[in-house]
Amino acid sequence: MTIGQYLRDSHFCFYAAPTDTAESGLFERGDSPMMKRFSAETIGTFILVFGGCGSAVFAAKMIGVLGVALAFGLTVLCCAYALGPVSGCHLNPAVSIGLTVAGRFPAKDLPAYIYGSTG
């Protein structure tokens, strides 16, 4: 089972599916898929800032520019695999806005994605 499948299908974690048997999790039963996507974007942005910026601030002298670049790249890669099936893993409001302008993302979901990435 991949992390993305776990996040989508688990009844124990905070992405609990809205079923009658879900008794645990951060959200109540019947949560909308938009709330799950918003949460995935928020968590993904946190992971990106924590992993990428953390490596730049605390370990840049040891790992160098290439190490910081790899830290950012691998963080985005891991988030894309883990959160992509849940939310698309935009992680950046510019990506969400660009997809909306191109007509590949619904404009009604844009405010939640922007807030999830910046809030």
PDB file of N, CA and C in Angstrom:
ATOM      1  N   MET A   1       0.852  -1.180   0.000  1.00  0.00           N
ATOM      2  CA  MET A   1       0.000   0.000   0.000  1.00  0.00           C
ATOM      3  C   MET A   1       0.894   1.238   0.000  1.00  0.00           C
ATOM      4  N   THR A   2       0.638   2.141  -0.918  1.00  0.00           N
ATOM      5  CA  THR A   2       1.420   3.370  -0.975  1.00  0.00           C
ATOM      6  C   THR A   2       0.882   4.374   0.047  1.00  0.00           C
ATOM      7  N   ILE A   3       1.654   5.411   0.291  1.00  0.00           N
ATOM      8  CA  ILE A   3       1.222   6.444   1.234  1.00  0.00           C
ATOM      9  C   ILE A   3      -0.032   7.136   0.723  1.00  0.00           C
ATOM     10  N   GLY A   4      -0.087   7.376  -0.583  1.00  0.00           N
ATOM     11  CA  GLY A   4      -1.271   8.016  -1.155  1.00  0.00           C
ATOM     12  C   GLY A   4      -2.520   7.180  -0.952  1.00  0.00           C
ATOM     13  N   GLN A   5      -2.399   5.860  -1.131  1.00  0.00           N
ATOM     14  CA  GLN A   5      -3.549   4.988  -0.889  1.00  0.00           C
ATOM     15  C   GLN A   5      -3.936   5.007   0.580  1.00  0.00           C
ATOM     16  N   TYR A   6      -2.941   5.021   1.456  1.00  0.00           N
ATOM     17  CA  TYR A   6      -3.224   5.067   2.884  1.00  0.00           C
ATOM     18  C   TYR A   6      -3.976   6.347   3.247  1.00  0.00           C
ATOM     19  N   LEU A   7      -3.527   7.466   2.710  1.00  0.00           N
ATOM     20  CA  LEU A   7      -4.183   8.732   3.021  1.00  0.00           C
ATOM     21  C   LEU A   7      -5.598   8.783   2.477  1.00  0.00           C
ATOM     22  N   ARG A   8      -5.824   8.155   1.323  1.00  0.00           N
ATOM     23  CA  ARG A   8      -7.165   8.143   0.750  1.00  0.00           C
ATOM     24  C   ARG A   8      -8.087   7.167   1.444  1.00  0.00           C
ATOM     25  N   ASP A   9      -7.586   5.990   1.808  1.00  0.00           N
ATOM     26  CA  ASP A   9      -8.446   4.899   2.231  1.00  0.00           C
ATOM     27  C   ASP A   9      -8.515   4.668   3.735  1.00  0.00           C
ATOM     28  N   SER A  10      -7.635   5.254   4.492  1.00  0.00           N
ATOM     29  CA  SER A  10      -7.567   4.957   5.915  1.00  0.00           C
ATOM     30  C   SER A  10      -8.735   5.563   6.670  1.00  0.00           C
ATOM     31  N   HIS A  11      -9.234   4.810   7.634  1.00  0.00           N
ATOM     32  CA  HIS A  11     -10.296   5.303   8.511  1.00  0.00           C
ATOM     33  C   HIS A  11      -9.724   5.762   9.842  1.00  0.00           C
ATOM     34  N   PHE A  12      -8.423   5.632  10.008  1.00  0.00           N
ATOM     35  CA  PHE A  12      -7.802   5.981  11.279  1.00  0.00           C
ATOM     36  C   PHE A  12      -7.147   7.347  11.232  1.00  0.00           C
ATOM     37  N   CYS A  13      -6.584   7.695  10.093  1.00  0.00           N
ATOM     38  CA  CYS A  13      -5.849   8.951  10.023  1.00  0.00           C
ATOM     39  C   CYS A  13      -6.770  10.116   9.737  1.00  0.00           C
ATOM     40  N   PHE A  14      -6.199  11.265   9.567  1.00  0.00           N
ATOM     41  CA  PHE A  14      -6.971  12.474   9.447  1.00  0.00           C
ATOM     42  C   PHE A  14      -7.623  12.694   8.120  1.00  0.00           C
ATOM     43  N   TYR A  15      -7.318  11.800   7.191  1.00  0.00           N
ATOM     44  CA  TYR A  15      -7.994  11.839   5.911  1.00  0.00           C
ATOM     45  C   TYR A  15      -9.119  10.817   5.880  1.00  0.00           C
ATOM     46  N   ALA A  16      -9.696  10.547   7.055  1.00  0.00           N
ATOM     47  CA  ALA A  16     -10.694   9.484   7.165  1.00  0.00           C
ATOM     48  C   ALA A  16     -11.803   9.661   6.140  1.00  0.00           C
ATOM     49  N   ALA A  17     -12.118   8.576   5.484  1.00  0.00           N
ATOM     50  CA  ALA A  17     -13.171   8.606   4.470  1.00  0.00           C
ATOM     51  C   ALA A  17     -14.521   8.816   5.135  1.00  0.00           C
ATOM     52  N   PRO A  18     -15.420   9.546   4.509  1.00  0.00           N
ATOM     53  CA  PRO A  18     -16.714   9.813   5.118  1.00  0.00           C
ATOM     54  C   PRO A  18     -17.640   8.599   5.026  1.00  0.00           C
ATOM     55  N   THR A  19     -17.433   7.654   5.914  1.00  0.00           N
ATOM     56  CA  THR A  19     -18.298   6.479   5.962  1.00  0.00           C
ATOM     57  C   THR A  19     -18.931   6.392   7.335  1.00  0.00           C
ATOM     58  N   ASP A  20     -19.895   5.507   7.476  1.00  0.00           N
ATOM     59  CA  ASP A  20     -20.572   5.344   8.762  1.00  0.00           C
ATOM     60  C   ASP A  20     -19.700   4.674   9.802  1.00  0.00           C
ATOM     61  N   THR A  21     -18.660   3.967   9.370  1.00  0.00           N
ATOM     62  CA  THR A  21     -17.816   3.256  10.316  1.00  0.00           C
ATOM     63  C   THR A  21     -16.648   4.085  10.823  1.00  0.00           C
ATOM     64  N   ALA A  22     -16.406   5.239  10.232  1.00  0.00           N
ATOM     65  CA  ALA A  22     -15.279   6.072  10.658  1.00  0.00           C
ATOM     66  C   ALA A  22     -15.614   6.729  11.989  1.00  0.00           C
ATOM     67  N   GLU A  23     -14.886   6.327  13.020  1.00  0.00           N
ATOM     68  CA  GLU A  23     -15.139   6.884  14.347  1.00  0.00           C
ATOM     69  C   GLU A  23     -13.987   7.729  14.846  1.00  0.00           C
ATOM     70  N   SER A  24     -12.845   7.648  14.205  1.00  0.00           N
ATOM     71  CA  SER A  24     -11.712   8.433  14.646  1.00  0.00           C
ATOM     72  C   SER A  24     -11.267   9.345  13.518  1.00  0.00           C
ATOM     73  N   GLY A  25     -10.353  10.210  13.822  1.00  0.00           N
ATOM     74  CA  GLY A  25      -9.848  11.144  12.831  1.00  0.00           C
ATOM     75  C   GLY A  25     -10.099  12.562  13.284  1.00  0.00           C
ATOM     76  N   LEU A  26      -9.415  13.473  12.669  1.00  0.00           N
ATOM     77  CA  LEU A  26      -9.520  14.871  13.045  1.00  0.00           C
ATOM     78  C   LEU A  26     -10.848  15.473  12.639  1.00  0.00           C
ATOM     79  N   PHE A  27     -11.375  15.054  11.503  1.00  0.00           N
ATOM     80  CA  PHE A  27     -12.602  15.627  10.996  1.00  0.00           C
ATOM     81  C   PHE A  27     -13.788  14.734  11.319  1.00  0.00           C
ATOM     82  N   GLU A  28     -14.951  15.319  11.296  1.00  0.00           N
ATOM     83  CA  GLU A  28     -16.181  14.567  11.545  1.00  0.00           C
ATOM     84  C   GLU A  28     -16.545  13.759  10.313  1.00  0.00           C
ATOM     85  N   ARG A  29     -17.417  12.778  10.506  1.00  0.00           N
ATOM     86  CA  ARG A  29     -17.889  12.011   9.358  1.00  0.00           C
ATOM     87  C   ARG A  29     -18.621  12.932   8.401  1.00  0.00           C
ATOM     88  N   GLY A  30     -18.554  12.597   7.154  1.00  0.00           N
ATOM     89  CA  GLY A  30     -19.248  13.384   6.144  1.00  0.00           C
ATOM     90  C   GLY A  30     -18.458  14.578   5.649  1.00  0.00           C
ATOM     91  N   ASP A  31     -17.157  14.626   5.969  1.00  0.00           N
ATOM     92  CA  ASP A  31     -16.340  15.733   5.479  1.00  0.00           C
ATOM     93  C   ASP A  31     -16.313  15.725   3.965  1.00  0.00           C
ATOM     94  N   SER A  32     -16.232  16.893   3.422  1.00  0.00           N
ATOM     95  CA  SER A  32     -16.227  17.024   1.972  1.00  0.00           C
ATOM     96  C   SER A  32     -14.855  16.653   1.411  1.00  0.00           C
ATOM     97  N   PRO A  33     -14.821  16.207   0.184  1.00  0.00           N
ATOM     98  CA  PRO A  33     -13.529  15.958  -0.458  1.00  0.00           C
ATOM     99  C   PRO A  33     -12.680  17.232  -0.540  1.00  0.00           C
ATOM    100  N   MET A  34     -13.338  18.399  -0.592  1.00  0.00           N
ATOM    101  CA  MET A  34     -12.580  19.652  -0.641  1.00  0.00           C
ATOM    102  C   MET A  34     -11.786  19.850   0.646  1.00  0.00           C
ATOM    103  N   MET A  35     -12.333  19.465   1.779  1.00  0.00           N
ATOM    104  CA  MET A  35     -11.615  19.597   3.046  1.00  0.00           C
ATOM    105  C   MET A  35     -10.390  18.683   3.061  1.00  0.00           C
ATOM    106  N   LYS A  36     -10.512  17.510   2.502  1.00  0.00           N
ATOM    107  CA  LYS A  36      -9.368  16.602   2.423  1.00  0.00           C
ATOM    108  C   LYS A  36      -8.288  17.177   1.518  1.00  0.00           C
ATOM    109  N   ARG A  37      -8.699  17.746   0.381  1.00  0.00           N
ATOM    110  CA  ARG A  37      -7.724  18.335  -0.536  1.00  0.00           C
ATOM    111  C   ARG A  37      -7.058  19.556   0.089  1.00  0.00           C
ATOM    112  N   PHE A  38      -7.839  20.389   0.764  1.00  0.00           N
ATOM    113  CA  PHE A  38      -7.280  21.554   1.452  1.00  0.00           C
ATOM    114  C   PHE A  38      -6.262  21.110   2.500  1.00  0.00           C
ATOM    115  N   SER A  39      -6.610  20.095   3.273  1.00  0.00           N
ATOM    116  CA  SER A  39      -5.696  19.601   4.308  1.00  0.00           C
ATOM    117  C   SER A  39      -4.429  19.029   3.694  1.00  0.00           C
ATOM    118  N   ALA A  40      -4.564  18.307   2.598  1.00  0.00           N
ATOM    119  CA  ALA A  40      -3.390  17.744   1.934  1.00  0.00           C
ATOM    120  C   ALA A  40      -2.472  18.855   1.420  1.00  0.00           C
ATOM    121  N   GLU A  41      -3.042  19.911   0.878  1.00  0.00           N
ATOM    122  CA  GLU A  41      -2.226  21.035   0.405  1.00  0.00           C
ATOM    123  C   GLU A  41      -1.514  21.723   1.566  1.00  0.00           C
ATOM    124  N   THR A  42      -2.218  21.899   2.672  1.00  0.00           N
ATOM    125  CA  THR A  42      -1.609  22.537   3.838  1.00  0.00           C
ATOM    126  C   THR A  42      -0.461  21.698   4.388  1.00  0.00           C
ATOM    127  N   ILE A  43      -0.679  20.410   4.512  1.00  0.00           N
ATOM    128  CA  ILE A  43       0.367  19.524   5.021  1.00  0.00           C
ATOM    129  C   ILE A  43       1.534  19.459   4.044  1.00  0.00           C
ATOM    130  N   GLY A  44       1.254  19.385   2.767  1.00  0.00           N
ATOM    131  CA  GLY A  44       2.318  19.349   1.766  1.00  0.00           C
ATOM    132  C   GLY A  44       3.167  20.608   1.776  1.00  0.00           C
ATOM    133  N   THR A  45       2.528  21.751   1.925  1.00  0.00           N
ATOM    134  CA  THR A  45       3.281  23.008   1.996  1.00  0.00           C
ATOM    135  C   THR A  45       4.142  23.051   3.250  1.00  0.00           C
ATOM    136  N   PHE A  46       3.599  22.558   4.363  1.00  0.00           N
ATOM    137  CA  PHE A  46       4.393  22.494   5.597  1.00  0.00           C
ATOM    138  C   PHE A  46       5.612  21.604   5.403  1.00  0.00           C
ATOM    139  N   ILE A  47       5.416  20.436   4.798  1.00  0.00           N
ATOM    140  CA  ILE A  47       6.529  19.512   4.579  1.00  0.00           C
ATOM    141  C   ILE A  47       7.579  20.142   3.670  1.00  0.00           C
ATOM    142  N   LEU A  48       7.139  20.840   2.639  1.00  0.00           N
ATOM    143  CA  LEU A  48       8.080  21.494   1.727  1.00  0.00           C
ATOM    144  C   LEU A  48       8.897  22.562   2.443  1.00  0.00           C
ATOM    145  N   VAL A  49       8.250  23.389   3.232  1.00  0.00           N
ATOM    146  CA  VAL A  49       8.962  24.446   3.957  1.00  0.00           C
ATOM    147  C   VAL A  49       9.872  23.840   5.017  1.00  0.00           C
ATOM    148  N   PHE A  50       9.367  22.839   5.737  1.00  0.00           N
ATOM    149  CA  PHE A  50      10.150  22.204   6.798  1.00  0.00           C
ATOM    150  C   PHE A  50      11.377  21.500   6.223  1.00  0.00           C
ATOM    151  N   GLY A  51      11.187  20.724   5.153  1.00  0.00           N
ATOM    152  CA  GLY A  51      12.297  19.972   4.579  1.00  0.00           C
ATOM    153  C   GLY A  51      13.242  20.819   3.763  1.00  0.00           C
ATOM    154  N   GLY A  52      12.705  21.616   2.861  1.00  0.00           N
ATOM    155  CA  GLY A  52      13.553  22.414   1.981  1.00  0.00           C
ATOM    156  C   GLY A  52      14.223  23.571   2.682  1.00  0.00           C
ATOM    157  N   CYS A  53      13.432  24.421   3.300  1.00  0.00           N
ATOM    158  CA  CYS A  53      14.007  25.588   3.990  1.00  0.00           C
ATOM    159  C   CYS A  53      14.807  25.171   5.210  1.00  0.00           C
ATOM    160  N   GLY A  54      14.382  24.100   5.870  1.00  0.00           N
ATOM    161  CA  GLY A  54      15.142  23.601   7.014  1.00  0.00           C
ATOM    162  C   GLY A  54      16.533  23.164   6.615  1.00  0.00           C
ATOM    163  N   SER A  55      16.629  22.489   5.489  1.00  0.00           N
ATOM    164  CA  SER A  55      17.961  22.071   5.029  1.00  0.00           C
ATOM    165  C   SER A  55      18.795  23.281   4.628  1.00  0.00           C
ATOM    166  N   ALA A  56      18.157  24.296   4.046  1.00  0.00           N
ATOM    167  CA  ALA A  56      18.901  25.495   3.647  1.00  0.00           C
ATOM    168  C   ALA A  56      19.415  26.268   4.858  1.00  0.00           C
ATOM    169  N   VAL A  57      18.606  26.345   5.897  1.00  0.00           N
ATOM    170  CA  VAL A  57      18.994  27.133   7.061  1.00  0.00           C
ATOM    171  C   VAL A  57      19.984  26.389   7.954  1.00  0.00           C
ATOM    172  N   PHE A  58      19.706  25.120   8.209  1.00  0.00           N
ATOM    173  CA  PHE A  58      20.501  24.405   9.208  1.00  0.00           C
ATOM    174  C   PHE A  58      21.675  23.615   8.652  1.00  0.00           C
ATOM    175  N   ALA A  59      21.662  23.240   7.396  1.00  0.00           N
ATOM    176  CA  ALA A  59      22.708  22.358   6.891  1.00  0.00           C
ATOM    177  C   ALA A  59      23.365  22.844   5.604  1.00  0.00           C
ATOM    178  N   ALA A  60      23.113  24.063   5.200  1.00  0.00           N
ATOM    179  CA  ALA A  60      23.645  24.543   3.917  1.00  0.00           C
ATOM    180  C   ALA A  60      25.165  24.509   3.874  1.00  0.00           C
ATOM    181  N   LYS A  61      25.813  24.792   4.987  1.00  0.00           N
ATOM    182  CA  LYS A  61      27.278  24.789   4.988  1.00  0.00           C
ATOM    183  C   LYS A  61      27.839  23.381   4.816  1.00  0.00           C
ATOM    184  N   MET A  62      27.095  22.391   5.306  1.00  0.00           N
ATOM    185  CA  MET A  62      27.576  21.003   5.209  1.00  0.00           C
ATOM    186  C   MET A  62      27.222  20.365   3.870  1.00  0.00           C
ATOM    187  N   ILE A  63      26.021  20.604   3.370  1.00  0.00           N
ATOM    188  CA  ILE A  63      25.567  19.897   2.171  1.00  0.00           C
ATOM    189  C   ILE A  63      25.736  20.721   0.894  1.00  0.00           C
ATOM    190  N   GLY A  64      25.943  22.011   1.019  1.00  0.00           N
ATOM    191  CA  GLY A  64      26.177  22.857  -0.140  1.00  0.00           C
ATOM    192  C   GLY A  64      24.910  23.161  -0.924  1.00  0.00           C
ATOM    193  N   VAL A  65      25.090  23.874  -2.007  1.00  0.00           N
ATOM    194  CA  VAL A  65      23.968  24.294  -2.841  1.00  0.00           C
ATOM    195  C   VAL A  65      23.285  23.090  -3.486  1.00  0.00           C
ATOM    196  N   LEU A  66      24.077  22.131  -3.942  1.00  0.00           N
ATOM    197  CA  LEU A  66      23.511  20.938  -4.558  1.00  0.00           C
ATOM    198  C   LEU A  66      22.669  20.147  -3.554  1.00  0.00           C
ATOM    199  N   GLY A  67      23.125  20.060  -2.320  1.00  0.00           N
ATOM    200  CA  GLY A  67      22.369  19.354  -1.282  1.00  0.00           C
ATOM    201  C   GLY A  67      21.044  20.026  -0.970  1.00  0.00           C
ATOM    202  N   VAL A  68      21.057  21.349  -0.928  1.00  0.00           N
ATOM    203  CA  VAL A  68      19.809  22.084  -0.688  1.00  0.00           C
ATOM    204  C   VAL A  68      18.854  21.889  -1.856  1.00  0.00           C
ATOM    205  N   ALA A  69      19.372  21.946  -3.071  1.00  0.00           N
ATOM    206  CA  ALA A  69      18.531  21.729  -4.243  1.00  0.00           C
ATOM    207  C   ALA A  69      17.942  20.320  -4.244  1.00  0.00           C
ATOM    208  N   LEU A  70      18.750  19.334  -3.880  1.00  0.00           N
ATOM    209  CA  LEU A  70      18.247  17.967  -3.791  1.00  0.00           C
ATOM    210  C   LEU A  70      17.206  17.818  -2.685  1.00  0.00           C
ATOM    211  N   ALA A  71      17.411  18.518  -1.580  1.00  0.00           N
ATOM    212  CA  ALA A  71      16.429  18.456  -0.498  1.00  0.00           C
ATOM    213  C   ALA A  71      15.077  19.000  -0.959  1.00  0.00           C
ATOM    214  N   PHE A  72      15.089  20.130  -1.639  1.00  0.00           N
ATOM    215  CA  PHE A  72      13.837  20.676  -2.177  1.00  0.00           C
ATOM    216  C   PHE A  72      13.226  19.724  -3.210  1.00  0.00           C
ATOM    217  N   GLY A  73      14.038  19.237  -4.126  1.00  0.00           N
ATOM    218  CA  GLY A  73      13.533  18.360  -5.174  1.00  0.00           C
ATOM    219  C   GLY A  73      12.964  17.061  -4.639  1.00  0.00           C
ATOM    220  N   LEU A  74      13.661  16.437  -3.704  1.00  0.00           N
ATOM    221  CA  LEU A  74      13.170  15.184  -3.134  1.00  0.00           C
ATOM    222  C   LEU A  74      11.934  15.404  -2.265  1.00  0.00           C
ATOM    223  N   THR A  75      11.861  16.558  -1.611  1.00  0.00           N
ATOM    224  CA  THR A  75      10.669  16.867  -0.830  1.00  0.00           C
ATOM    225  C   THR A  75       9.458  17.019  -1.732  1.00  0.00           C
ATOM    226  N   VAL A  76       9.614  17.718  -2.837  1.00  0.00           N
ATOM    227  CA  VAL A  76       8.506  17.867  -3.781  1.00  0.00           C
ATOM    228  C   VAL A  76       8.139  16.518  -4.382  1.00  0.00           C
ATOM    229  N   LEU A  77       9.128  15.697  -4.701  1.00  0.00           N
ATOM    230  CA  LEU A  77       8.867  14.376  -5.259  1.00  0.00           C
ATOM    231  C   LEU A  77       8.074  13.511  -4.285  1.00  0.00           C
ATOM    232  N   CYS A  78       8.498  13.483  -3.032  1.00  0.00           N
ATOM    233  CA  CYS A  78       7.794  12.680  -2.025  1.00  0.00           C
ATOM    234  C   CYS A  78       6.372  13.203  -1.801  1.00  0.00           C
ATOM    235  N   CYS A  79       6.206  14.513  -1.767  1.00  0.00           N
ATOM    236  CA  CYS A  79       4.865  15.080  -1.612  1.00  0.00           C
ATOM    237  C   CYS A  79       3.990  14.753  -2.817  1.00  0.00           C
ATOM    238  N   ALA A  80       4.571  14.779  -4.000  1.00  0.00           N
ATOM    239  CA  ALA A  80       3.791  14.466  -5.197  1.00  0.00           C
ATOM    240  C   ALA A  80       3.290  13.026  -5.171  1.00  0.00           C
ATOM    241  N   TYR A  81       4.135  12.100  -4.742  1.00  0.00           N
ATOM    242  CA  TYR A  81       3.708  10.709  -4.656  1.00  0.00           C
ATOM    243  C   TYR A  81       2.717  10.488  -3.524  1.00  0.00           C
ATOM    244  N   ALA A  82       2.927  11.146  -2.390  1.00  0.00           N
ATOM    245  CA  ALA A  82       2.063  10.914  -1.234  1.00  0.00           C
ATOM    246  C   ALA A  82       0.749  11.678  -1.319  1.00  0.00           C
ATOM    247  N   LEU A  83       0.806  12.928  -1.760  1.00  0.00           N
ATOM    248  CA  LEU A  83      -0.376  13.780  -1.720  1.00  0.00           C
ATOM    249  C   LEU A  83      -1.002  14.017  -3.083  1.00  0.00           C
ATOM    250  N   GLY A  84      -0.302  13.671  -4.130  1.00  0.00           N
ATOM    251  CA  GLY A  84      -0.829  13.872  -5.472  1.00  0.00           C
ATOM    252  C   GLY A  84      -2.180  13.222  -5.707  1.00  0.00           C
ATOM    253  N   PRO A  85      -2.374  11.972  -5.296  1.00  0.00           N
ATOM    254  CA  PRO A  85      -3.687  11.363  -5.493  1.00  0.00           C
ATOM    255  C   PRO A  85      -4.814  12.025  -4.700  1.00  0.00           C
ATOM    256  N   VAL A  86      -4.464  12.731  -3.626  1.00  0.00           N
ATOM    257  CA  VAL A  86      -5.484  13.369  -2.800  1.00  0.00           C
ATOM    258  C   VAL A  86      -5.835  14.753  -3.337  1.00  0.00           C
ATOM    259  N   SER A  87      -4.821  15.573  -3.620  1.00  0.00           N
ATOM    260  CA  SER A  87      -5.087  16.967  -3.954  1.00  0.00           C
ATOM    261  C   SER A  87      -4.438  17.457  -5.245  1.00  0.00           C
ATOM    262  N   GLY A  88      -3.596  16.672  -5.854  1.00  0.00           N
ATOM    263  CA  GLY A  88      -2.862  17.142  -7.017  1.00  0.00           C
ATOM    264  C   GLY A  88      -1.519  17.709  -6.646  1.00  0.00           C
ATOM    265  N   CYS A  89      -1.291  17.969  -5.384  1.00  0.00           N
ATOM    266  CA  CYS A  89      -0.004  18.422  -4.845  1.00  0.00           C
ATOM    267  C   CYS A  89       0.514  19.678  -5.545  1.00  0.00           C
ATOM    268  N   HIS A  90      -0.261  20.747  -5.524  1.00  0.00           N
ATOM    269  CA  HIS A  90       0.188  22.000  -6.134  1.00  0.00           C
ATOM    270  C   HIS A  90       1.294  22.649  -5.319  1.00  0.00           C
ATOM    271  N   LEU A  91       1.152  22.724  -4.015  1.00  0.00           N
ATOM    272  CA  LEU A  91       2.145  23.250  -3.072  1.00  0.00           C
ATOM    273  C   LEU A  91       2.506  24.719  -3.270  1.00  0.00           C
ATOM    274  N   ASN A  92       1.978  25.345  -4.279  1.00  0.00           N
ATOM    275  CA  ASN A  92       2.359  26.717  -4.597  1.00  0.00           C
ATOM    276  C   ASN A  92       1.149  27.390  -5.242  1.00  0.00           C
ATOM    277  N   PRO A  93       0.760  28.558  -4.742  1.00  0.00           N
ATOM    278  CA  PRO A  93      -0.397  29.228  -5.337  1.00  0.00           C
ATOM    279  C   PRO A  93      -0.205  29.557  -6.811  1.00  0.00           C
ATOM    280  N   ALA A  94       1.034  29.767  -7.246  1.00  0.00           N
ATOM    281  CA  ALA A  94       1.269  30.076  -8.660  1.00  0.00           C
ATOM    282  C   ALA A  94       0.891  28.895  -9.548  1.00  0.00           C
ATOM    283  N   VAL A  95       1.105  27.681  -9.071  1.00  0.00           N
ATOM    284  CA  VAL A  95       0.720  26.498  -9.835  1.00  0.00           C
ATOM    285  C   VAL A  95      -0.797  26.437  -9.955  1.00  0.00           C
ATOM    286  N   SER A  96      -1.491  26.675  -8.841  1.00  0.00           N
ATOM    287  CA  SER A  96      -2.956  26.637  -8.848  1.00  0.00           C
ATOM    288  C   SER A  96      -3.533  27.713  -9.770  1.00  0.00           C
ATOM    289  N   ILE A  97      -2.976  28.907  -9.692  1.00  0.00           N
ATOM    290  CA  ILE A  97      -3.461  30.011 -10.532  1.00  0.00           C
ATOM    291  C   ILE A  97      -3.179  29.711 -12.005  1.00  0.00           C
ATOM    292  N   GLY A  98      -1.995  29.206 -12.302  1.00  0.00           N
ATOM    293  CA  GLY A  98      -1.655  28.869 -13.685  1.00  0.00           C
ATOM    294  C   GLY A  98      -2.567  27.793 -14.263  1.00  0.00           C
ATOM    295  N   LEU A  99      -2.868  26.778 -13.463  1.00  0.00           N
ATOM    296  CA  LEU A  99      -3.772  25.730 -13.930  1.00  0.00           C
ATOM    297  C   LEU A  99      -5.183  26.267 -14.133  1.00  0.00           C
ATOM    298  N   THR A 100      -5.614  27.196 -13.278  1.00  0.00           N
ATOM    299  CA  THR A 100      -6.938  27.790 -13.424  1.00  0.00           C
ATOM    300  C   THR A 100      -7.006  28.638 -14.695  1.00  0.00           C
ATOM    301  N   VAL A 101      -5.976  29.438 -14.931  1.00  0.00           N
ATOM    302  CA  VAL A 101      -5.946  30.274 -16.145  1.00  0.00           C
ATOM    303  C   VAL A 101      -5.937  29.399 -17.394  1.00  0.00           C
ATOM    304  N   ALA A 102      -5.243  28.266 -17.329  1.00  0.00           N
ATOM    305  CA  ALA A 102      -5.180  27.359 -18.478  1.00  0.00           C
ATOM    306  C   ALA A 102      -6.458  26.534 -18.644  1.00  0.00           C
ATOM    307  N   GLY A 103      -7.363  26.637 -17.669  1.00  0.00           N
ATOM    308  CA  GLY A 103      -8.617  25.906 -17.762  1.00  0.00           C
ATOM    309  C   GLY A 103      -8.534  24.464 -17.311  1.00  0.00           C
ATOM    310  N   ARG A 104      -7.481  24.109 -16.592  1.00  0.00           N
ATOM    311  CA  ARG A 104      -7.305  22.729 -16.142  1.00  0.00           C
ATOM    312  C   ARG A 104      -7.653  22.530 -14.675  1.00  0.00           C
ATOM    313  N   PHE A 105      -8.096  23.571 -14.012  1.00  0.00           N
ATOM    314  CA  PHE A 105      -8.427  23.504 -12.588  1.00  0.00           C
ATOM    315  C   PHE A 105      -9.652  24.376 -12.360  1.00  0.00           C
ATOM    316  N   PRO A 106     -10.644  23.891 -11.607  1.00  0.00           N
ATOM    317  CA  PRO A 106     -11.868  24.678 -11.416  1.00  0.00           C
ATOM    318  C   PRO A 106     -11.623  25.938 -10.581  1.00  0.00           C
ATOM    319  N   ALA A 107     -12.145  27.055 -11.047  1.00  0.00           N
ATOM    320  CA  ALA A 107     -11.946  28.336 -10.364  1.00  0.00           C
ATOM    321  C   ALA A 107     -12.613  28.358  -8.997  1.00  0.00           C
ATOM    322  N   LYS A 108     -13.654  27.573  -8.798  1.00  0.00           N
ATOM    323  CA  LYS A 108     -14.341  27.574  -7.507  1.00  0.00           C
ATOM    324  C   LYS A 108     -13.474  26.979  -6.394  1.00  0.00           C
ATOM    325  N   ASP A 109     -12.492  26.144  -6.748  1.00  0.00           N
ATOM    326  CA  ASP A 109     -11.599  25.538  -5.759  1.00  0.00           C
ATOM    327  C   ASP A 109     -10.345  26.373  -5.512  1.00  0.00           C
ATOM    328  N   LEU A 110     -10.116  27.383  -6.316  1.00  0.00           N
ATOM    329  CA  LEU A 110      -8.883  28.161  -6.234  1.00  0.00           C
ATOM    330  C   LEU A 110      -8.675  28.842  -4.881  1.00  0.00           C
ATOM    331  N   PRO A 111      -9.675  29.509  -4.280  1.00  0.00           N
ATOM    332  CA  PRO A 111      -9.415  30.156  -2.988  1.00  0.00           C
ATOM    333  C   PRO A 111      -8.960  29.202  -1.903  1.00  0.00           C
ATOM    334  N   ALA A 112      -9.514  28.011  -1.846  1.00  0.00           N
ATOM    335  CA  ALA A 112      -9.102  27.039  -0.828  1.00  0.00           C
ATOM    336  C   ALA A 112      -7.664  26.589  -1.049  1.00  0.00           C
ATOM    337  N   TYR A 113      -7.285  26.390  -2.291  1.00  0.00           N
ATOM    338  CA  TYR A 113      -5.916  25.968  -2.589  1.00  0.00           C
ATOM    339  C   TYR A 113      -4.927  27.083  -2.275  1.00  0.00           C
ATOM    340  N   ILE A 114      -5.286  28.319  -2.580  1.00  0.00           N
ATOM    341  CA  ILE A 114      -4.387  29.434  -2.258  1.00  0.00           C
ATOM    342  C   ILE A 114      -4.233  29.563  -0.754  1.00  0.00           C
ATOM    343  N   TYR A 115      -5.333  29.468  -0.030  1.00  0.00           N
ATOM    344  CA  TYR A 115      -5.244  29.562   1.427  1.00  0.00           C
ATOM    345  C   TYR A 115      -4.482  28.382   2.011  1.00  0.00           C
ATOM    346  N   GLY A 116      -4.672  27.195   1.465  1.00  0.00           N
ATOM    347  CA  GLY A 116      -3.961  26.032   1.945  1.00  0.00           C
ATOM    348  C   GLY A 116      -2.454  26.138   1.727  1.00  0.00           C
ATOM    349  N   SER A 117      -2.050  26.812   0.665  1.00  0.00           N
ATOM    350  CA  SER A 117      -0.627  26.956   0.359  1.00  0.00           C
ATOM    351  C   SER A 117       0.022  28.137   1.068  1.00  0.00           C
ATOM    352  N   THR A 118      -0.762  29.096   1.497  1.00  0.00           N
ATOM    353  CA  THR A 118      -0.180  30.297   2.100  1.00  0.00           C
ATOM    354  C   THR A 118      -0.614  30.536   3.538  1.00  0.00           C
ATOM    355  N   GLY A 119      -1.734  29.968   3.930  1.00  0.00           N
ATOM    356  CA  GLY A 119      -2.333  30.263   5.233  1.00  0.00           C
ATOM    357  C   GLY A 119      -1.665  29.580   6.342  1.00  0.00           C
TER     358      GLY A 119
END
